[in-house]
PDB file of all heavy atoms in Angstrom:
ATOM      1  N   ALA A   1     101.920 130.661  47.012  1.00  0.00           N
ATOM      2  CA  ALA A   1     102.708 129.640  46.330  1.00  0.00           C
ATOM      3  C   ALA A   1     104.200 129.718  46.757  1.00  0.00           C
ATOM      4  O   ALA A   1     104.857 128.695  47.038  1.00  0.00           O
ATOM      5  CB  ALA A   1     102.628 129.782  44.848  1.00  0.00           C
ATOM      6  N   GLU A   2     104.706 130.899  46.863  1.00  0.00           N
ATOM      7  CA  GLU A   2     106.099 131.165  47.228  1.00  0.00           C
ATOM      8  C   GLU A   2     106.321 130.753  48.734  1.00  0.00           C
ATOM      9  O   GLU A   2     107.312 130.044  49.002  1.00  0.00           O
ATOM     10  CB  GLU A   2     106.470 132.629  47.095  1.00  0.00           C
ATOM     11  CG  GLU A   2     106.551 133.110  45.601  1.00  0.00           C
ATOM     12  CD  GLU A   2     106.872 134.608  45.496  1.00  0.00           C
ATOM     13  OE1 GLU A   2     107.090 135.214  46.573  1.00  0.00           O
ATOM     14  OE2 GLU A   2     106.913 135.067  44.339  1.00  0.00           O
ATOM     15  N   ARG A   3     105.389 131.094  49.443  1.00  0.00           N
ATOM     16  CA  ARG A   3     105.499 130.745  50.955  1.00  0.00           C
ATOM     17  C   ARG A   3     105.320 129.203  51.143  1.00  0.00           C
ATOM     18  O   ARG A   3     105.954 128.587  52.059  1.00  0.00           O
ATOM     19  CB  ARG A   3     104.484 131.438  51.792  1.00  0.00           C
ATOM     20  CG  ARG A   3     104.645 132.946  51.752  1.00  0.00           C
ATOM     21  CD  ARG A   3     103.740 133.644  52.718  1.00  0.00           C
ATOM     22  NE  ARG A   3     104.061 135.107  52.624  1.00  0.00           N
ATOM     23  CZ  ARG A   3     103.604 136.093  53.540  1.00  0.00           C
ATOM     24  NH1 ARG A   3     102.913 135.609  54.630  1.00  0.00           N
ATOM     25  NH2 ARG A   3     103.848 137.344  53.424  1.00  0.00           N
ATOM     26  N   LYS A   4     104.493 128.511  50.321  1.00  0.00           N
ATOM     27  CA  LYS A   4     104.443 127.180  50.442  1.00  0.00           C
ATOM     28  C   LYS A   4     105.700 126.485  50.016  1.00  0.00           C
ATOM     29  O   LYS A   4     106.135 125.524  50.755  1.00  0.00           O
ATOM     30  CB  LYS A   4     103.258 126.696  49.457  1.00  0.00           C
ATOM     31  CG  LYS A   4     103.075 125.201  49.545  1.00  0.00           C
ATOM     32  CD  LYS A   4     101.974 124.679  48.551  1.00  0.00           C
ATOM     33  CE  LYS A   4     101.853 123.152  48.597  1.00  0.00           C
ATOM     34  NZ  LYS A   4     100.787 122.640  47.684  1.00  0.00           N
ATOM     35  N   ALA A   5     106.350 126.932  48.987  1.00  0.00           N
ATOM     36  CA  ALA A   5     107.611 126.363  48.492  1.00  0.00           C
ATOM     37  C   ALA A   5     108.639 126.529  49.603  1.00  0.00           C
ATOM     38  O   ALA A   5     109.457 125.703  49.861  1.00  0.00           O
ATOM     39  CB  ALA A   5     107.960 126.969  47.263  1.00  0.00           C
ATOM     40  N   ASP A   6     108.592 127.757  50.227  1.00  0.00           N
ATOM     41  CA  ASP A   6     109.615 127.956  51.306  1.00  0.00           C
ATOM     42  C   ASP A   6     109.340 127.123  52.503  1.00  0.00           C
ATOM     43  O   ASP A   6     110.274 126.574  53.077  1.00  0.00           O
ATOM     44  CB  ASP A   6     109.505 129.433  51.769  1.00  0.00           C
ATOM     45  CG  ASP A   6     110.347 129.792  52.950  1.00  0.00           C
ATOM     46  OD1 ASP A   6     111.630 129.736  52.720  1.00  0.00           O
ATOM     47  OD2 ASP A   6     109.808 130.107  54.016  1.00  0.00           O
ATOM     48  N   ALA A   7     108.077 126.841  52.850  1.00  0.00           N
ATOM     49  CA  ALA A   7     107.808 125.931  53.995  1.00  0.00           C
ATOM     50  C   ALA A   7     108.189 124.512  53.665  1.00  0.00           C
ATOM     51  O   ALA A   7     108.757 123.873  54.580  1.00  0.00           O
ATOM     52  CB  ALA A   7     106.197 125.970  54.248  1.00  0.00           C
ATOM     53  N   GLU A   8     107.978 124.112  52.469  1.00  0.00           N
ATOM     54  CA  GLU A   8     108.365 122.690  52.042  1.00  0.00           C
ATOM     55  C   GLU A   8     109.823 122.569  52.235  1.00  0.00           C
ATOM     56  O   GLU A   8     110.435 121.576  52.763  1.00  0.00           O
ATOM     57  CB  GLU A   8     107.957 122.352  50.760  1.00  0.00           C
ATOM     58  CG  GLU A   8     106.388 122.284  50.635  1.00  0.00           C
ATOM     59  CD  GLU A   8     105.940 122.186  49.181  1.00  0.00           C
ATOM     60  OE1 GLU A   8     106.676 122.500  48.249  1.00  0.00           O
ATOM     61  OE2 GLU A   8     104.779 121.597  48.914  1.00  0.00           O
ATOM     62  N   LYS A   9     110.640 123.569  51.755  1.00  0.00           N
ATOM     63  CA  LYS A   9     112.071 123.512  51.812  1.00  0.00           C
ATOM     64  C   LYS A   9     112.590 123.511  53.300  1.00  0.00           C
ATOM     65  O   LYS A   9     113.520 122.828  53.719  1.00  0.00           O
ATOM     66  CB  LYS A   9     112.669 124.602  50.978  1.00  0.00           C
ATOM     67  CG  LYS A   9     114.211 124.665  50.910  1.00  0.00           C
ATOM     68  CD  LYS A   9     114.738 125.907  50.199  1.00  0.00           C
ATOM     69  CE  LYS A   9     116.239 125.982  50.199  1.00  0.00           C
ATOM     70  NZ  LYS A   9     116.717 127.163  49.448  1.00  0.00           N
ATOM     71  N   PHE A  10     111.928 124.434  54.095  1.00  0.00           N
ATOM     72  CA  PHE A  10     112.332 124.586  55.467  1.00  0.00           C
ATOM     73  C   PHE A  10     112.102 123.260  56.231  1.00  0.00           C
ATOM     74  O   PHE A  10     112.935 122.853  57.073  1.00  0.00           O
ATOM     75  CB  PHE A  10     111.480 125.675  56.088  1.00  0.00           C
ATOM     76  CG  PHE A  10     111.883 126.078  57.537  1.00  0.00           C
ATOM     77  CD1 PHE A  10     112.841 127.045  57.670  1.00  0.00           C
ATOM     78  CD2 PHE A  10     111.346 125.432  58.620  1.00  0.00           C
ATOM     79  CE1 PHE A  10     113.240 127.477  58.978  1.00  0.00           C
ATOM     80  CE2 PHE A  10     111.682 125.799  59.810  1.00  0.00           C
ATOM     81  CZ  PHE A  10     112.575 126.826  60.055  1.00  0.00           C
ATOM     82  N   PHE A  11     111.006 122.636  55.930  1.00  0.00           N
ATOM     83  CA  PHE A  11     110.731 121.351  56.623  1.00  0.00           C
ATOM     84  C   PHE A  11     111.677 120.355  56.236  1.00  0.00           C
ATOM     85  O   PHE A  11     112.177 119.541  57.010  1.00  0.00           O
ATOM     86  CB  PHE A  11     109.295 120.914  56.248  1.00  0.00           C
ATOM     87  CG  PHE A  11     108.836 119.651  57.032  1.00  0.00           C
ATOM     88  CD1 PHE A  11     108.501 119.718  58.395  1.00  0.00           C
ATOM     89  CD2 PHE A  11     108.791 118.525  56.344  1.00  0.00           C
ATOM     90  CE1 PHE A  11     108.157 118.560  59.014  1.00  0.00           C
ATOM     91  CE2 PHE A  11     108.420 117.277  57.028  1.00  0.00           C
ATOM     92  CZ  PHE A  11     108.098 117.391  58.436  1.00  0.00           C
ATOM     93  N   ARG A  12     111.927 120.226  54.894  1.00  0.00           N
ATOM     94  CA  ARG A  12     112.814 119.158  54.446  1.00  0.00           C
ATOM     95  C   ARG A  12     114.256 119.403  54.904  1.00  0.00           C
ATOM     96  O   ARG A  12     114.950 118.429  55.294  1.00  0.00           O
ATOM     97  CB  ARG A  12     112.810 119.133  52.840  1.00  0.00           C
ATOM     98  CG  ARG A  12     113.551 117.975  52.237  1.00  0.00           C
ATOM     99  CD  ARG A  12     113.380 117.958  50.770  1.00  0.00           C
ATOM    100  NE  ARG A  12     113.841 119.181  50.071  1.00  0.00           N
ATOM    101  CZ  ARG A  12     112.986 120.168  49.665  1.00  0.00           C
ATOM    102  NH1 ARG A  12     111.718 120.132  49.733  1.00  0.00           N
ATOM    103  NH2 ARG A  12     113.501 121.229  48.931  1.00  0.00           N
ATOM    104  N   LYS A  13     114.739 120.531  54.835  1.00  0.00           N
ATOM    105  CA  LYS A  13     116.181 120.843  55.162  1.00  0.00           C
ATOM    106  C   LYS A  13     116.384 121.015  56.675  1.00  0.00           C
ATOM    107  O   LYS A  13     117.488 120.652  57.107  1.00  0.00           O
ATOM    108  CB  LYS A  13     116.630 122.131  54.488  1.00  0.00           C
ATOM    109  CG  LYS A  13     116.528 122.014  52.984  1.00  0.00           C
ATOM    110  CD  LYS A  13     117.639 121.139  52.430  1.00  0.00           C
ATOM    111  CE  LYS A  13     117.655 121.267  50.853  1.00  0.00           C
ATOM    112  NZ  LYS A  13     118.757 120.440  50.303  1.00  0.00           N
ATOM    113  N   ARG A  14     115.414 121.461  57.476  1.00  0.00           N
ATOM    114  CA  ARG A  14     115.739 121.797  58.806  1.00  0.00           C
ATOM    115  C   ARG A  14     114.871 121.041  59.808  1.00  0.00           C
ATOM    116  O   ARG A  14     115.406 120.519  60.821  1.00  0.00           O
ATOM    117  CB  ARG A  14     115.558 123.288  59.042  1.00  0.00           C
ATOM    118  CG  ARG A  14     116.448 124.143  57.994  1.00  0.00           C
ATOM    119  CD  ARG A  14     116.537 125.534  58.415  1.00  0.00           C
ATOM    120  NE  ARG A  14     117.324 125.698  59.608  1.00  0.00           N
ATOM    121  CZ  ARG A  14     117.501 126.836  60.298  1.00  0.00           C
ATOM    122  NH1 ARG A  14     117.029 127.976  59.839  1.00  0.00           N
ATOM    123  NH2 ARG A  14     118.197 126.885  61.469  1.00  0.00           N
ATOM    124  N   VAL A  15     113.510 121.022  59.655  1.00  0.00           N
ATOM    125  CA  VAL A  15     112.710 120.302  60.565  1.00  0.00           C
ATOM    126  C   VAL A  15     112.794 118.846  60.619  1.00  0.00           C
ATOM    127  O   VAL A  15     112.846 118.218  61.760  1.00  0.00           O
ATOM    128  CB  VAL A  15     111.191 120.817  60.390  1.00  0.00           C
ATOM    129  CG1 VAL A  15     110.290 120.140  61.399  1.00  0.00           C
ATOM    130  CG2 VAL A  15     111.032 122.311  60.421  1.00  0.00           C
ATOM    131  N   THR A  16     112.891 118.276  59.486  1.00  0.00           N
ATOM    132  CA  THR A  16     112.916 116.807  59.373  1.00  0.00           C
ATOM    133  C   THR A  16     114.275 116.320  59.999  1.00  0.00           C
ATOM    134  O   THR A  16     114.119 115.350  60.832  1.00  0.00           O
ATOM    135  CB  THR A  16     112.931 116.336  57.950  1.00  0.00           C
ATOM    136  OG1 THR A  16     111.680 116.695  57.351  1.00  0.00           O
ATOM    137  CG2 THR A  16     113.157 114.835  57.819  1.00  0.00           C
ATOM    138  N   PRO A  17     115.409 116.811  59.817  1.00  0.00           N
ATOM    139  CA  PRO A  17     116.650 116.430  60.526  1.00  0.00           C
ATOM    140  C   PRO A  17     116.432 116.599  62.033  1.00  0.00           C
ATOM    141  O   PRO A  17     116.934 115.803  62.856  1.00  0.00           O
ATOM    142  CB  PRO A  17     117.772 117.358  59.923  1.00  0.00           C
ATOM    143  CG  PRO A  17     117.198 117.745  58.621  1.00  0.00           C
ATOM    144  CD  PRO A  17     115.796 117.836  58.725  1.00  0.00           C
ATOM    145  N   PHE A  18     115.774 117.738  62.440  1.00  0.00           N
ATOM    146  CA  PHE A  18     115.595 117.928  63.937  1.00  0.00           C
ATOM    147  C   PHE A  18     114.742 116.842  64.546  1.00  0.00           C
ATOM    148  O   PHE A  18     115.046 116.269  65.604  1.00  0.00           O
ATOM    149  CB  PHE A  18     114.905 119.367  64.053  1.00  0.00           C
ATOM    150  CG  PHE A  18     114.658 119.689  65.572  1.00  0.00           C
ATOM    151  CD1 PHE A  18     115.451 120.465  66.215  1.00  0.00           C
ATOM    152  CD2 PHE A  18     113.447 119.278  66.139  1.00  0.00           C
ATOM    153  CE1 PHE A  18     115.278 120.848  67.517  1.00  0.00           C
ATOM    154  CE2 PHE A  18     113.275 119.555  67.535  1.00  0.00           C
ATOM    155  CZ  PHE A  18     114.207 120.375  68.180  1.00  0.00           C
ATOM    156  N   ILE A  19     113.685 116.492  63.879  1.00  0.00           N
ATOM    157  CA  ILE A  19     112.767 115.435  64.355  1.00  0.00           C
ATOM    158  C   ILE A  19     113.524 114.065  64.448  1.00  0.00           C
ATOM    159  O   ILE A  19     113.421 113.343  65.420  1.00  0.00           O
ATOM    160  CB  ILE A  19     111.444 115.354  63.517  1.00  0.00           C
ATOM    161  CG1 ILE A  19     110.635 116.572  63.739  1.00  0.00           C
ATOM    162  CG2 ILE A  19     110.695 114.121  63.939  1.00  0.00           C
ATOM    163  CD1 ILE A  19     109.460 116.655  62.683  1.00  0.00           C
ATOM    164  N   LYS A  20     114.197 113.799  63.460  1.00  0.00           N
ATOM    165  CA  LYS A  20     114.901 112.487  63.278  1.00  0.00           C
ATOM    166  C   LYS A  20     115.964 112.342  64.467  1.00  0.00           C
ATOM    167  O   LYS A  20     116.165 111.424  65.006  1.00  0.00           O
ATOM    168  CB  LYS A  20     115.575 112.295  61.952  1.00  0.00           C
ATOM    169  CG  LYS A  20     114.491 112.027  60.915  1.00  0.00           C
ATOM    170  CD  LYS A  20     115.126 111.736  59.527  1.00  0.00           C
ATOM    171  CE  LYS A  20     114.080 111.406  58.517  1.00  0.00           C
ATOM    172  NZ  LYS A  20     114.700 111.089  57.092  1.00  0.00           N
ATOM    173  N   THR A  21     116.607 113.535  64.705  1.00  0.00           N
ATOM    174  CA  THR A  21     117.639 113.522  65.614  1.00  0.00           C
ATOM    175  C   THR A  21     117.225 113.485  67.109  1.00  0.00           C
ATOM    176  O   THR A  21     117.692 112.816  67.958  1.00  0.00           O
ATOM    177  CB  THR A  21     118.624 114.816  65.492  1.00  0.00           C
ATOM    178  OG1 THR A  21     119.135 114.776  64.205  1.00  0.00           O
ATOM    179  CG2 THR A  21     119.714 114.824  66.509  1.00  0.00           C
ATOM    180  N   TYR A  22     116.120 114.338  67.411  1.00  0.00           N
ATOM    181  CA  TYR A  22     115.752 114.514  68.788  1.00  0.00           C
ATOM    182  C   TYR A  22     114.380 114.003  69.148  1.00  0.00           C
ATOM    183  O   TYR A  22     114.064 113.884  70.390  1.00  0.00           O
ATOM    184  CB  TYR A  22     115.642 116.045  69.114  1.00  0.00           C
ATOM    185  CG  TYR A  22     117.038 116.778  68.854  1.00  0.00           C
ATOM    186  CD1 TYR A  22     117.212 117.680  67.840  1.00  0.00           C
ATOM    187  CD2 TYR A  22     118.144 116.544  69.772  1.00  0.00           C
ATOM    188  CE1 TYR A  22     118.467 118.246  67.596  1.00  0.00           C
ATOM    189  CE2 TYR A  22     119.315 117.139  69.508  1.00  0.00           C
ATOM    190  CZ  TYR A  22     119.405 118.045  68.418  1.00  0.00           C
ATOM    191  OH  TYR A  22     120.653 118.586  68.252  1.00  0.00           O
ATOM    192  N   CYS A  23     113.518 113.509  68.254  1.00  0.00           N
ATOM    193  CA  CYS A  23     112.199 113.171  68.564  1.00  0.00           C
ATOM    194  C   CYS A  23     111.837 111.703  68.298  1.00  0.00           C
ATOM    195  O   CYS A  23     111.078 111.072  68.949  1.00  0.00           O
ATOM    196  CB  CYS A  23     111.151 114.077  67.807  1.00  0.00           C
ATOM    197  SG  CYS A  23     111.574 115.886  68.041  1.00  0.00           S
ATOM    198  N   LEU A  24     112.338 111.258  67.060  1.00  0.00           N
ATOM    199  CA  LEU A  24     111.803 109.916  66.563  1.00  0.00           C
ATOM    200  C   LEU A  24     112.122 108.726  67.446  1.00  0.00           C
ATOM    201  O   LEU A  24     111.389 107.747  67.433  1.00  0.00           O
ATOM    202  CB  LEU A  24     112.324 109.700  65.278  1.00  0.00           C
ATOM    203  CG  LEU A  24     111.512 110.108  64.077  1.00  0.00           C
ATOM    204  CD1 LEU A  24     111.975 109.575  62.782  1.00  0.00           C
ATOM    205  CD2 LEU A  24     109.964 109.854  64.174  1.00  0.00           C
ATOM    206  N   GLU A  25     113.097 108.784  68.284  1.00  0.00           N
ATOM    207  CA  GLU A  25     113.492 107.628  69.092  1.00  0.00           C
ATOM    208  C   GLU A  25     112.334 107.308  69.982  1.00  0.00           C
ATOM    209  O   GLU A  25     112.001 106.083  70.276  1.00  0.00           O
ATOM    210  CB  GLU A  25     114.682 107.960  70.052  1.00  0.00           C
ATOM    211  CG  GLU A  25     115.100 106.774  70.834  1.00  0.00           C
ATOM    212  CD  GLU A  25     116.430 107.041  71.546  1.00  0.00           C
ATOM    213  OE1 GLU A  25     117.109 108.031  71.213  1.00  0.00           O
ATOM    214  OE2 GLU A  25     116.745 106.226  72.464  1.00  0.00           O
ATOM    215  N   CYS A  26     111.586 108.224  70.475  1.00  0.00           N
ATOM    216  CA  CYS A  26     110.358 108.014  71.318  1.00  0.00           C
ATOM    217  C   CYS A  26     109.073 108.185  70.508  1.00  0.00           C
ATOM    218  O   CYS A  26     108.048 107.541  70.809  1.00  0.00           O
ATOM    219  CB  CYS A  26     110.300 108.885  72.539  1.00  0.00           C
ATOM    220  SG  CYS A  26     111.778 108.645  73.659  1.00  0.00           S
ATOM    221  N   HIS A  27     109.014 109.161  69.694  1.00  0.00           N
ATOM    222  CA  HIS A  27     107.786 109.522  69.093  1.00  0.00           C
ATOM    223  C   HIS A  27     107.618 108.980  67.598  1.00  0.00           C
ATOM    224  O   HIS A  27     107.786 109.701  66.688  1.00  0.00           O
ATOM    225  CB  HIS A  27     107.603 111.091  68.982  1.00  0.00           C
ATOM    226  CG  HIS A  27     107.565 111.723  70.363  1.00  0.00           C
ATOM    227  ND1 HIS A  27     106.471 111.694  71.178  1.00  0.00           N
ATOM    228  CD2 HIS A  27     108.592 112.297  71.069  1.00  0.00           C
ATOM    229  CE1 HIS A  27     106.776 112.362  72.371  1.00  0.00           C
ATOM    230  NE2 HIS A  27     108.048 112.587  72.281  1.00  0.00           N
TER     231      HIS A  27
END
């Protein structure tokens, strides 16, 4: 449960901005 919460936070705070900045224009 702790690792799931950490993964959700990591995705929301770091991975999502990365995808929107570098990936979504094509993907």
